[in-house]
Amino acid sequence: MSNVKVSVDEIMDILDRSTISFHTAFDKCTVAECQLPNGFVIIESSACVNPEDYDEFTGSQLCMDKIEERLWELYGFDRHQQIYETMP
């Protein structure tokens, strides 16, 4: 069972092969759309209260952090499922 794991390299490879786009909504929100190599889509957002404080670069970084975290969850679930399916 110890060989069934998700690695940082695997997550980074998936992100590198994904199609990711960002756009600004309502002058204070960054929306990130990420299509994984298998076609699955993840959408994340980050926003601030005051449009004067909005920074698109910071918003995109926050969205990417959320997308990466989601990948860890999804691929972690997948590995657990693989273990479960091999149990008697």
PDB file of N, CA and C in Angstrom:
ATOM      1  N   MET A   1       0.819  -1.200   0.000  1.00  0.00           N
ATOM      2  CA  MET A   1       0.000   0.000   0.000  1.00  0.00           C
ATOM      3  C   MET A   1       0.861   1.262   0.000  1.00  0.00           C
ATOM      4  N   SER A   2       2.081   1.198   0.496  1.00  0.00           N
ATOM      5  CA  SER A   2       2.912   2.396   0.597  1.00  0.00           C
ATOM      6  C   SER A   2       3.310   2.960  -0.765  1.00  0.00           C
ATOM      7  N   ASN A   3       3.216   2.162  -1.821  1.00  0.00           N
ATOM      8  CA  ASN A   3       3.572   2.670  -3.146  1.00  0.00           C
ATOM      9  C   ASN A   3       2.405   3.379  -3.833  1.00  0.00           C
ATOM     10  N   VAL A   4       1.250   3.392  -3.194  1.00  0.00           N
ATOM     11  CA  VAL A   4       0.087   4.080  -3.751  1.00  0.00           C
ATOM     12  C   VAL A   4       0.014   5.456  -3.105  1.00  0.00           C
ATOM     13  N   LYS A   5       0.558   6.448  -3.796  1.00  0.00           N
ATOM     14  CA  LYS A   5       0.570   7.797  -3.241  1.00  0.00           C
ATOM     15  C   LYS A   5       0.521   8.818  -4.365  1.00  0.00           C
ATOM     16  N   VAL A   6       0.248  10.037  -3.980  1.00  0.00           N
ATOM     17  CA  VAL A   6       0.256  11.155  -4.916  1.00  0.00           C
ATOM     18  C   VAL A   6       1.541  11.932  -4.648  1.00  0.00           C
ATOM     19  N   SER A   7       2.267  12.265  -5.690  1.00  0.00           N
ATOM     20  CA  SER A   7       3.523  12.997  -5.506  1.00  0.00           C
ATOM     21  C   SER A   7       3.376  14.449  -5.964  1.00  0.00           C
ATOM     22  N   VAL A   8       4.241  15.285  -5.434  1.00  0.00           N
ATOM     23  CA  VAL A   8       4.287  16.689  -5.848  1.00  0.00           C
ATOM     24  C   VAL A   8       4.552  16.764  -7.347  1.00  0.00           C
ATOM     25  N   ASP A   9       5.474  15.937  -7.831  1.00  0.00           N
ATOM     26  CA  ASP A   9       5.791  15.942  -9.268  1.00  0.00           C
ATOM     27  C   ASP A   9       4.570  15.608 -10.114  1.00  0.00           C
ATOM     28  N   GLU A  10       3.752  14.669  -9.637  1.00  0.00           N
ATOM     29  CA  GLU A  10       2.544  14.289 -10.377  1.00  0.00           C
ATOM     30  C   GLU A  10       1.567  15.464 -10.457  1.00  0.00           C
ATOM     31  N   ILE A  11       1.356  16.136  -9.334  1.00  0.00           N
ATOM     32  CA  ILE A  11       0.440  17.288  -9.306  1.00  0.00           C
ATOM     33  C   ILE A  11       0.965  18.401 -10.210  1.00  0.00           C
ATOM     34  N   MET A  12       2.264  18.690 -10.142  1.00  0.00           N
ATOM     35  CA  MET A  12       2.846  19.750 -10.967  1.00  0.00           C
ATOM     36  C   MET A  12       2.770  19.397 -12.454  1.00  0.00           C
ATOM     37  N   ASP A  13       2.967  18.114 -12.776  1.00  0.00           N
ATOM     38  CA  ASP A  13       2.865  17.670 -14.169  1.00  0.00           C
ATOM     39  C   ASP A  13       1.443  17.864 -14.693  1.00  0.00           C
ATOM     40  N   ILE A  14       0.463  17.529 -13.873  1.00  0.00           N
ATOM     41  CA  ILE A  14      -0.938  17.706 -14.277  1.00  0.00           C
ATOM     42  C   ILE A  14      -1.224  19.184 -14.527  1.00  0.00           C
ATOM     43  N   LEU A  15      -0.761  20.042 -13.622  1.00  0.00           N
ATOM     44  CA  LEU A  15      -0.972  21.485 -13.802  1.00  0.00           C
ATOM     45  C   LEU A  15      -0.274  21.990 -15.062  1.00  0.00           C
ATOM     46  N   ASP A  16       0.944  21.520 -15.304  1.00  0.00           N
ATOM     47  CA  ASP A  16       1.692  21.948 -16.496  1.00  0.00           C
ATOM     48  C   ASP A  16       0.981  21.564 -17.786  1.00  0.00           C
ATOM     49  N   ARG A  17       0.260  20.448 -17.772  1.00  0.00           N
ATOM     50  CA  ARG A  17      -0.420  19.972 -18.978  1.00  0.00           C
ATOM     51  C   ARG A  17      -1.870  20.442 -19.070  1.00  0.00           C
ATOM     52  N   SER A  18      -2.302  21.228 -18.100  1.00  0.00           N
ATOM     53  CA  SER A  18      -3.680  21.730 -18.080  1.00  0.00           C
ATOM     54  C   SER A  18      -3.785  23.045 -18.838  1.00  0.00           C
ATOM     55  N   THR A  19      -4.992  23.355 -19.264  1.00  0.00           N
ATOM     56  CA  THR A  19      -5.277  24.648 -19.889  1.00  0.00           C
ATOM     57  C   THR A  19      -5.927  25.518 -18.822  1.00  0.00           C
ATOM     58  N   ILE A  20      -5.299  26.661 -18.532  1.00  0.00           N
ATOM     59  CA  ILE A  20      -5.774  27.519 -17.449  1.00  0.00           C
ATOM     60  C   ILE A  20      -5.969  28.929 -17.982  1.00  0.00           C
ATOM     61  N   SER A  21      -7.112  29.518 -17.647  1.00  0.00           N
ATOM     62  CA  SER A  21      -7.356  30.912 -18.030  1.00  0.00           C
ATOM     63  C   SER A  21      -7.923  31.661 -16.830  1.00  0.00           C
ATOM     64  N   PHE A  22      -7.692  32.963 -16.825  1.00  0.00           N
ATOM     65  CA  PHE A  22      -8.151  33.833 -15.747  1.00  0.00           C
ATOM     66  C   PHE A  22      -8.935  34.987 -16.339  1.00  0.00           C
ATOM     67  N   HIS A  23      -9.917  35.457 -15.617  1.00  0.00           N
ATOM     68  CA  HIS A  23     -10.543  36.716 -15.992  1.00  0.00           C
ATOM     69  C   HIS A  23     -11.029  37.431 -14.733  1.00  0.00           C
ATOM     70  N   THR A  24     -11.234  38.721 -14.888  1.00  0.00           N
ATOM     71  CA  THR A  24     -11.675  39.560 -13.777  1.00  0.00           C
ATOM     72  C   THR A  24     -13.173  39.774 -13.884  1.00  0.00           C
ATOM     73  N   ALA A  25     -13.848  39.645 -12.751  1.00  0.00           N
ATOM     74  CA  ALA A  25     -15.294  39.872 -12.695  1.00  0.00           C
ATOM     75  C   ALA A  25     -15.583  40.998 -11.710  1.00  0.00           C
ATOM     76  N   PHE A  26     -16.426  41.916 -12.113  1.00  0.00           N
ATOM     77  CA  PHE A  26     -16.915  42.992 -11.249  1.00  0.00           C
ATOM     78  C   PHE A  26     -15.796  43.836 -10.644  1.00  0.00           C
ATOM     79  N   ASP A  27     -14.690  43.940 -11.344  1.00  0.00           N
ATOM     80  CA  ASP A  27     -13.555  44.774 -10.940  1.00  0.00           C
ATOM     81  C   ASP A  27     -12.938  44.402  -9.599  1.00  0.00           C
ATOM     82  N   LYS A  28     -13.276  43.218  -9.051  1.00  0.00           N
ATOM     83  CA  LYS A  28     -12.691  42.853  -7.757  1.00  0.00           C
ATOM     84  C   LYS A  28     -12.605  41.348  -7.526  1.00  0.00           C
ATOM     85  N   CYS A  29     -12.821  40.580  -8.566  1.00  0.00           N
ATOM     86  CA  CYS A  29     -12.822  39.123  -8.413  1.00  0.00           C
ATOM     87  C   CYS A  29     -12.034  38.488  -9.562  1.00  0.00           C
ATOM     88  N   THR A  30     -11.162  37.555  -9.222  1.00  0.00           N
ATOM     89  CA  THR A  30     -10.454  36.770 -10.233  1.00  0.00           C
ATOM     90  C   THR A  30     -11.118  35.407 -10.322  1.00  0.00           C
ATOM     91  N   VAL A  31     -11.424  34.988 -11.530  1.00  0.00           N
ATOM     92  CA  VAL A  31     -11.999  33.668 -11.767  1.00  0.00           C
ATOM     93  C   VAL A  31     -10.983  32.874 -12.589  1.00  0.00           C
ATOM     94  N   ALA A  32     -10.665  31.671 -12.111  1.00  0.00           N
ATOM     95  CA  ALA A  32      -9.731  30.792 -12.817  1.00  0.00           C
ATOM     96  C   ALA A  32     -10.487  29.577 -13.326  1.00  0.00           C
ATOM     97  N   GLU A  33     -10.242  29.258 -14.581  1.00  0.00           N
ATOM     98  CA  GLU A  33     -10.835  28.077 -15.210  1.00  0.00           C
ATOM     99  C   GLU A  33      -9.684  27.163 -15.610  1.00  0.00           C
ATOM    100  N   CYS A  34      -9.727  25.942 -15.111  1.00  0.00           N
ATOM    101  CA  CYS A  34      -8.644  24.990 -15.359  1.00  0.00           C
ATOM    102  C   CYS A  34      -9.227  23.710 -15.942  1.00  0.00           C
ATOM    103  N   GLN A  35      -8.826  23.399 -17.172  1.00  0.00           N
ATOM    104  CA  GLN A  35      -9.238  22.132 -17.772  1.00  0.00           C
ATOM    105  C   GLN A  35      -8.057  21.172 -17.687  1.00  0.00           C
ATOM    106  N   LEU A  36      -8.253  20.080 -16.951  1.00  0.00           N
ATOM    107  CA  LEU A  36      -7.210  19.082 -16.776  1.00  0.00           C
ATOM    108  C   LEU A  36      -7.004  18.309 -18.075  1.00  0.00           C
ATOM    109  N   PRO A  37      -5.874  17.625 -18.207  1.00  0.00           N
ATOM    110  CA  PRO A  37      -5.606  16.874 -19.438  1.00  0.00           C
ATOM    111  C   PRO A  37      -6.706  15.875 -19.802  1.00  0.00           C
ATOM    112  N   ASN A  38      -7.429  15.356 -18.799  1.00  0.00           N
ATOM    113  CA  ASN A  38      -8.493  14.385 -19.089  1.00  0.00           C
ATOM    114  C   ASN A  38      -9.833  15.051 -19.399  1.00  0.00           C
ATOM    115  N   GLY A  39      -9.870  16.394 -19.409  1.00  0.00           N
ATOM    116  CA  GLY A  39     -11.087  17.121 -19.742  1.00  0.00           C
ATOM    117  C   GLY A  39     -11.875  17.622 -18.543  1.00  0.00           C
ATOM    118  N   PHE A  40     -11.570  17.128 -17.334  1.00  0.00           N
ATOM    119  CA  PHE A  40     -12.258  17.575 -16.121  1.00  0.00           C
ATOM    120  C   PHE A  40     -11.961  19.056 -15.904  1.00  0.00           C
ATOM    121  N   VAL A  41     -12.964  19.819 -15.472  1.00  0.00           N
ATOM    122  CA  VAL A  41     -12.813  21.264 -15.300  1.00  0.00           C
ATOM    123  C   VAL A  41     -12.932  21.638 -13.827  1.00  0.00           C
ATOM    124  N   ILE A  42     -12.001  22.474 -13.384  1.00  0.00           N
ATOM    125  CA  ILE A  42     -12.028  23.041 -12.035  1.00  0.00           C
ATOM    126  C   ILE A  42     -12.147  24.549 -12.189  1.00  0.00           C
ATOM    127  N   ILE A  43     -13.077  25.153 -11.448  1.00  0.00           N
ATOM    128  CA  ILE A  43     -13.229  26.607 -11.462  1.00  0.00           C
ATOM    129  C   ILE A  43     -13.070  27.105 -10.036  1.00  0.00           C
ATOM    130  N   GLU A  44     -12.214  28.096  -9.860  1.00  0.00           N
ATOM    131  CA  GLU A  44     -11.982  28.699  -8.546  1.00  0.00           C
ATOM    132  C   GLU A  44     -12.037  30.212  -8.686  1.00  0.00           C
ATOM    133  N   SER A  45     -12.231  30.876  -7.556  1.00  0.00           N
ATOM    134  CA  SER A  45     -12.265  32.338  -7.578  1.00  0.00           C
ATOM    135  C   SER A  45     -11.650  32.897  -6.309  1.00  0.00           C
ATOM    136  N   SER A  46     -11.277  34.163  -6.394  1.00  0.00           N
ATOM    137  CA  SER A  46     -10.812  34.905  -5.231  1.00  0.00           C
ATOM    138  C   SER A  46     -11.254  36.344  -5.436  1.00  0.00           C
ATOM    139  N   ALA A  47     -11.648  36.984  -4.353  1.00  0.00           N
ATOM    140  CA  ALA A  47     -12.178  38.345  -4.475  1.00  0.00           C
ATOM    141  C   ALA A  47     -11.797  39.174  -3.257  1.00  0.00           C
ATOM    142  N   CYS A  48     -11.896  40.474  -3.421  1.00  0.00           N
ATOM    143  CA  CYS A  48     -11.686  41.386  -2.298  1.00  0.00           C
ATOM    144  C   CYS A  48     -12.949  42.231  -2.124  1.00  0.00           C
ATOM    145  N   VAL A  49     -13.069  42.875  -0.992  1.00  0.00           N
ATOM    146  CA  VAL A  49     -14.257  43.682  -0.701  1.00  0.00           C
ATOM    147  C   VAL A  49     -14.229  44.982  -1.493  1.00  0.00           C
ATOM    148  N   ASN A  50     -13.078  45.624  -1.518  1.00  0.00           N
ATOM    149  CA  ASN A  50     -12.941  46.937  -2.139  1.00  0.00           C
ATOM    150  C   ASN A  50     -12.218  46.803  -3.484  1.00  0.00           C
ATOM    151  N   PRO A  51     -12.850  47.226  -4.576  1.00  0.00           N
ATOM    152  CA  PRO A  51     -12.190  47.141  -5.886  1.00  0.00           C
ATOM    153  C   PRO A  51     -10.842  47.869  -5.934  1.00  0.00           C
ATOM    154  N   GLU A  52     -10.654  48.882  -5.093  1.00  0.00           N
ATOM    155  CA  GLU A  52      -9.373  49.601  -5.077  1.00  0.00           C
ATOM    156  C   GLU A  52      -8.234  48.712  -4.578  1.00  0.00           C
ATOM    157  N   ASP A  53      -8.571  47.674  -3.825  1.00  0.00           N
ATOM    158  CA  ASP A  53      -7.560  46.753  -3.304  1.00  0.00           C
ATOM    159  C   ASP A  53      -7.285  45.587  -4.250  1.00  0.00           C
ATOM    160  N   TYR A  54      -8.037  45.498  -5.334  1.00  0.00           N
ATOM    161  CA  TYR A  54      -7.934  44.342  -6.226  1.00  0.00           C
ATOM    162  C   TYR A  54      -6.597  44.322  -6.961  1.00  0.00           C
ATOM    163  N   ASP A  55      -5.988  43.139  -6.984  1.00  0.00           N
ATOM    164  CA  ASP A  55      -4.753  42.922  -7.726  1.00  0.00           C
ATOM    165  C   ASP A  55      -4.891  41.596  -8.477  1.00  0.00           C
ATOM    166  N   GLU A  56      -4.906  41.661  -9.788  1.00  0.00           N
ATOM    167  CA  GLU A  56      -5.148  40.462 -10.595  1.00  0.00           C
ATOM    168  C   GLU A  56      -4.083  39.389 -10.364  1.00  0.00           C
ATOM    169  N   PHE A  57      -2.835  39.801 -10.222  1.00  0.00           N
ATOM    170  CA  PHE A  57      -1.760  38.832 -10.007  1.00  0.00           C
ATOM    171  C   PHE A  57      -1.968  38.063  -8.701  1.00  0.00           C
ATOM    172  N   THR A  58      -2.273  38.789  -7.634  1.00  0.00           N
ATOM    173  CA  THR A  58      -2.535  38.138  -6.345  1.00  0.00           C
ATOM    174  C   THR A  58      -3.748  37.226  -6.452  1.00  0.00           C
ATOM    175  N   GLY A  59      -4.788  37.694  -7.126  1.00  0.00           N
ATOM    176  CA  GLY A  59      -5.989  36.884  -7.316  1.00  0.00           C
ATOM    177  C   GLY A  59      -5.699  35.598  -8.061  1.00  0.00           C
ATOM    178  N   SER A  60      -4.858  35.683  -9.117  1.00  0.00           N
ATOM    179  CA  SER A  60      -4.538  34.463  -9.862  1.00  0.00           C
ATOM    180  C   SER A  60      -3.696  33.501  -9.040  1.00  0.00           C
ATOM    181  N   GLN A  61      -2.795  34.035  -8.212  1.00  0.00           N
ATOM    182  CA  GLN A  61      -2.002  33.156  -7.341  1.00  0.00           C
ATOM    183  C   GLN A  61      -2.900  32.427  -6.344  1.00  0.00           C
ATOM    184  N   LEU A  62      -3.839  33.158  -5.754  1.00  0.00           N
ATOM    185  CA  LEU A  62      -4.761  32.535  -4.800  1.00  0.00           C
ATOM    186  C   LEU A  62      -5.602  31.453  -5.477  1.00  0.00           C
ATOM    187  N   CYS A  63      -6.064  31.730  -6.680  1.00  0.00           N
ATOM    188  CA  CYS A  63      -6.842  30.731  -7.426  1.00  0.00           C
ATOM    189  C   CYS A  63      -6.001  29.499  -7.738  1.00  0.00           C
ATOM    190  N   MET A  64      -4.753  29.707  -8.136  1.00  0.00           N
ATOM    191  CA  MET A  64      -3.887  28.564  -8.440  1.00  0.00           C
ATOM    192  C   MET A  64      -3.635  27.718  -7.198  1.00  0.00           C
ATOM    193  N   ASP A  65      -3.476  28.372  -6.048  1.00  0.00           N
ATOM    194  CA  ASP A  65      -3.319  27.620  -4.794  1.00  0.00           C
ATOM    195  C   ASP A  65      -4.542  26.744  -4.541  1.00  0.00           C
ATOM    196  N   LYS A  66      -5.729  27.300  -4.790  1.00  0.00           N
ATOM    197  CA  LYS A  66      -6.970  26.541  -4.585  1.00  0.00           C
ATOM    198  C   LYS A  66      -7.076  25.378  -5.573  1.00  0.00           C
ATOM    199  N   ILE A  67      -6.687  25.617  -6.827  1.00  0.00           N
ATOM    200  CA  ILE A  67      -6.732  24.555  -7.836  1.00  0.00           C
ATOM    201  C   ILE A  67      -5.770  23.434  -7.457  1.00  0.00           C
ATOM    202  N   GLU A  68      -4.572  23.802  -7.024  1.00  0.00           N
ATOM    203  CA  GLU A  68      -3.604  22.780  -6.610  1.00  0.00           C
ATOM    204  C   GLU A  68      -4.146  21.971  -5.428  1.00  0.00           C
ATOM    205  N   GLU A  69      -4.738  22.652  -4.461  1.00  0.00           N
ATOM    206  CA  GLU A  69      -5.323  21.959  -3.308  1.00  0.00           C
ATOM    207  C   GLU A  69      -6.430  21.004  -3.753  1.00  0.00           C
ATOM    208  N   ARG A  70      -7.240  21.434  -4.703  1.00  0.00           N
ATOM    209  CA  ARG A  70      -8.310  20.577  -5.220  1.00  0.00           C
ATOM    210  C   ARG A  70      -7.733  19.338  -5.895  1.00  0.00           C
ATOM    211  N   LEU A  71      -6.637  19.507  -6.637  1.00  0.00           N
ATOM    212  CA  LEU A  71      -5.999  18.350  -7.273  1.00  0.00           C
ATOM    213  C   LEU A  71      -5.514  17.342  -6.237  1.00  0.00           C
ATOM    214  N   TRP A  72      -4.946  17.833  -5.143  1.00  0.00           N
ATOM    215  CA  TRP A  72      -4.514  16.926  -4.077  1.00  0.00           C
ATOM    216  C   TRP A  72      -5.704  16.125  -3.560  1.00  0.00           C
ATOM    217  N   GLU A  73      -6.833  16.795  -3.372  1.00  0.00           N
ATOM    218  CA  GLU A  73      -8.036  16.097  -2.893  1.00  0.00           C
ATOM    219  C   GLU A  73      -8.515  15.059  -3.908  1.00  0.00           C
ATOM    220  N   LEU A  74      -8.623  15.468  -5.159  1.00  0.00           N
ATOM    221  CA  LEU A  74      -9.131  14.568  -6.194  1.00  0.00           C
ATOM    222  C   LEU A  74      -8.229  13.353  -6.392  1.00  0.00           C
ATOM    223  N   TYR A  75      -6.935  13.595  -6.488  1.00  0.00           N
ATOM    224  CA  TYR A  75      -6.017  12.486  -6.721  1.00  0.00           C
ATOM    225  C   TYR A  75      -5.829  11.650  -5.459  1.00  0.00           C
ATOM    226  N   GLY A  76      -5.936  12.259  -4.279  1.00  0.00           N
ATOM    227  CA  GLY A  76      -5.922  11.497  -3.034  1.00  0.00           C
ATOM    228  C   GLY A  76      -7.114  10.559  -2.966  1.00  0.00           C
ATOM    229  N   PHE A  77      -8.284  11.065  -3.337  1.00  0.00           N
ATOM    230  CA  PHE A  77      -9.477  10.216  -3.387  1.00  0.00           C
ATOM    231  C   PHE A  77      -9.267   9.056  -4.355  1.00  0.00           C
ATOM    232  N   ASP A  78      -8.714   9.357  -5.515  1.00  0.00           N
ATOM    233  CA  ASP A  78      -8.479   8.318  -6.518  1.00  0.00           C
ATOM    234  C   ASP A  78      -7.578   7.212  -5.968  1.00  0.00           C
ATOM    235  N   ARG A  79      -6.519   7.599  -5.256  1.00  0.00           N
ATOM    236  CA  ARG A  79      -5.608   6.595  -4.690  1.00  0.00           C
ATOM    237  C   ARG A  79      -6.314   5.751  -3.631  1.00  0.00           C
ATOM    238  N   HIS A  80      -7.127   6.395  -2.798  1.00  0.00           N
ATOM    239  CA  HIS A  80      -7.900   5.645  -1.807  1.00  0.00           C
ATOM    240  C   HIS A  80      -8.839   4.662  -2.492  1.00  0.00           C
ATOM    241  N   GLN A  81      -9.443   5.090  -3.577  1.00  0.00           N
ATOM    242  CA  GLN A  81     -10.345   4.210  -4.323  1.00  0.00           C
ATOM    243  C   GLN A  81      -9.584   3.005  -4.869  1.00  0.00           C
ATOM    244  N   GLN A  82      -8.383   3.236  -5.372  1.00  0.00           N
ATOM    245  CA  GLN A  82      -7.561   2.131  -5.876  1.00  0.00           C
ATOM    246  C   GLN A  82      -7.280   1.117  -4.770  1.00  0.00           C
ATOM    247  N   ILE A  83      -6.952   1.599  -3.580  1.00  0.00           N
ATOM    248  CA  ILE A  83      -6.693   0.707  -2.444  1.00  0.00           C
ATOM    249  C   ILE A  83      -7.961  -0.057  -2.086  1.00  0.00           C
ATOM    250  N   TYR A  84      -9.075   0.661  -2.008  1.00  0.00           N
ATOM    251  CA  TYR A  84     -10.357   0.055  -1.652  1.00  0.00           C
ATOM    252  C   TYR A  84     -10.729  -1.066  -2.620  1.00  0.00           C
ATOM    253  N   GLU A  85     -10.511  -0.826  -3.897  1.00  0.00           N
ATOM    254  CA  GLU A  85     -10.891  -1.811  -4.915  1.00  0.00           C
ATOM    255  C   GLU A  85     -10.029  -3.068  -4.880  1.00  0.00           C
ATOM    256  N   THR A  86      -8.853  -2.998  -4.268  1.00  0.00           N
ATOM    257  CA  THR A  86      -7.998  -4.184  -4.181  1.00  0.00           C
ATOM    258  C   THR A  86      -8.213  -4.957  -2.882  1.00  0.00           C
ATOM    259  N   MET A  87      -9.035  -4.418  -1.988  1.00  0.00           N
ATOM    260  CA  MET A  87      -9.290  -5.100  -0.713  1.00  0.00           C
ATOM    261  C   MET A  87     -10.278  -6.243  -0.920  1.00  0.00           C
ATOM    262  N   PRO A  88     -10.093  -7.328  -0.148  1.00  0.00           N
ATOM    263  CA  PRO A  88     -11.018  -8.470  -0.285  1.00  0.00           C
ATOM    264  C   PRO A  88     -12.406  -8.157   0.241  1.00  0.00           C
TER     265      PRO A  88
END
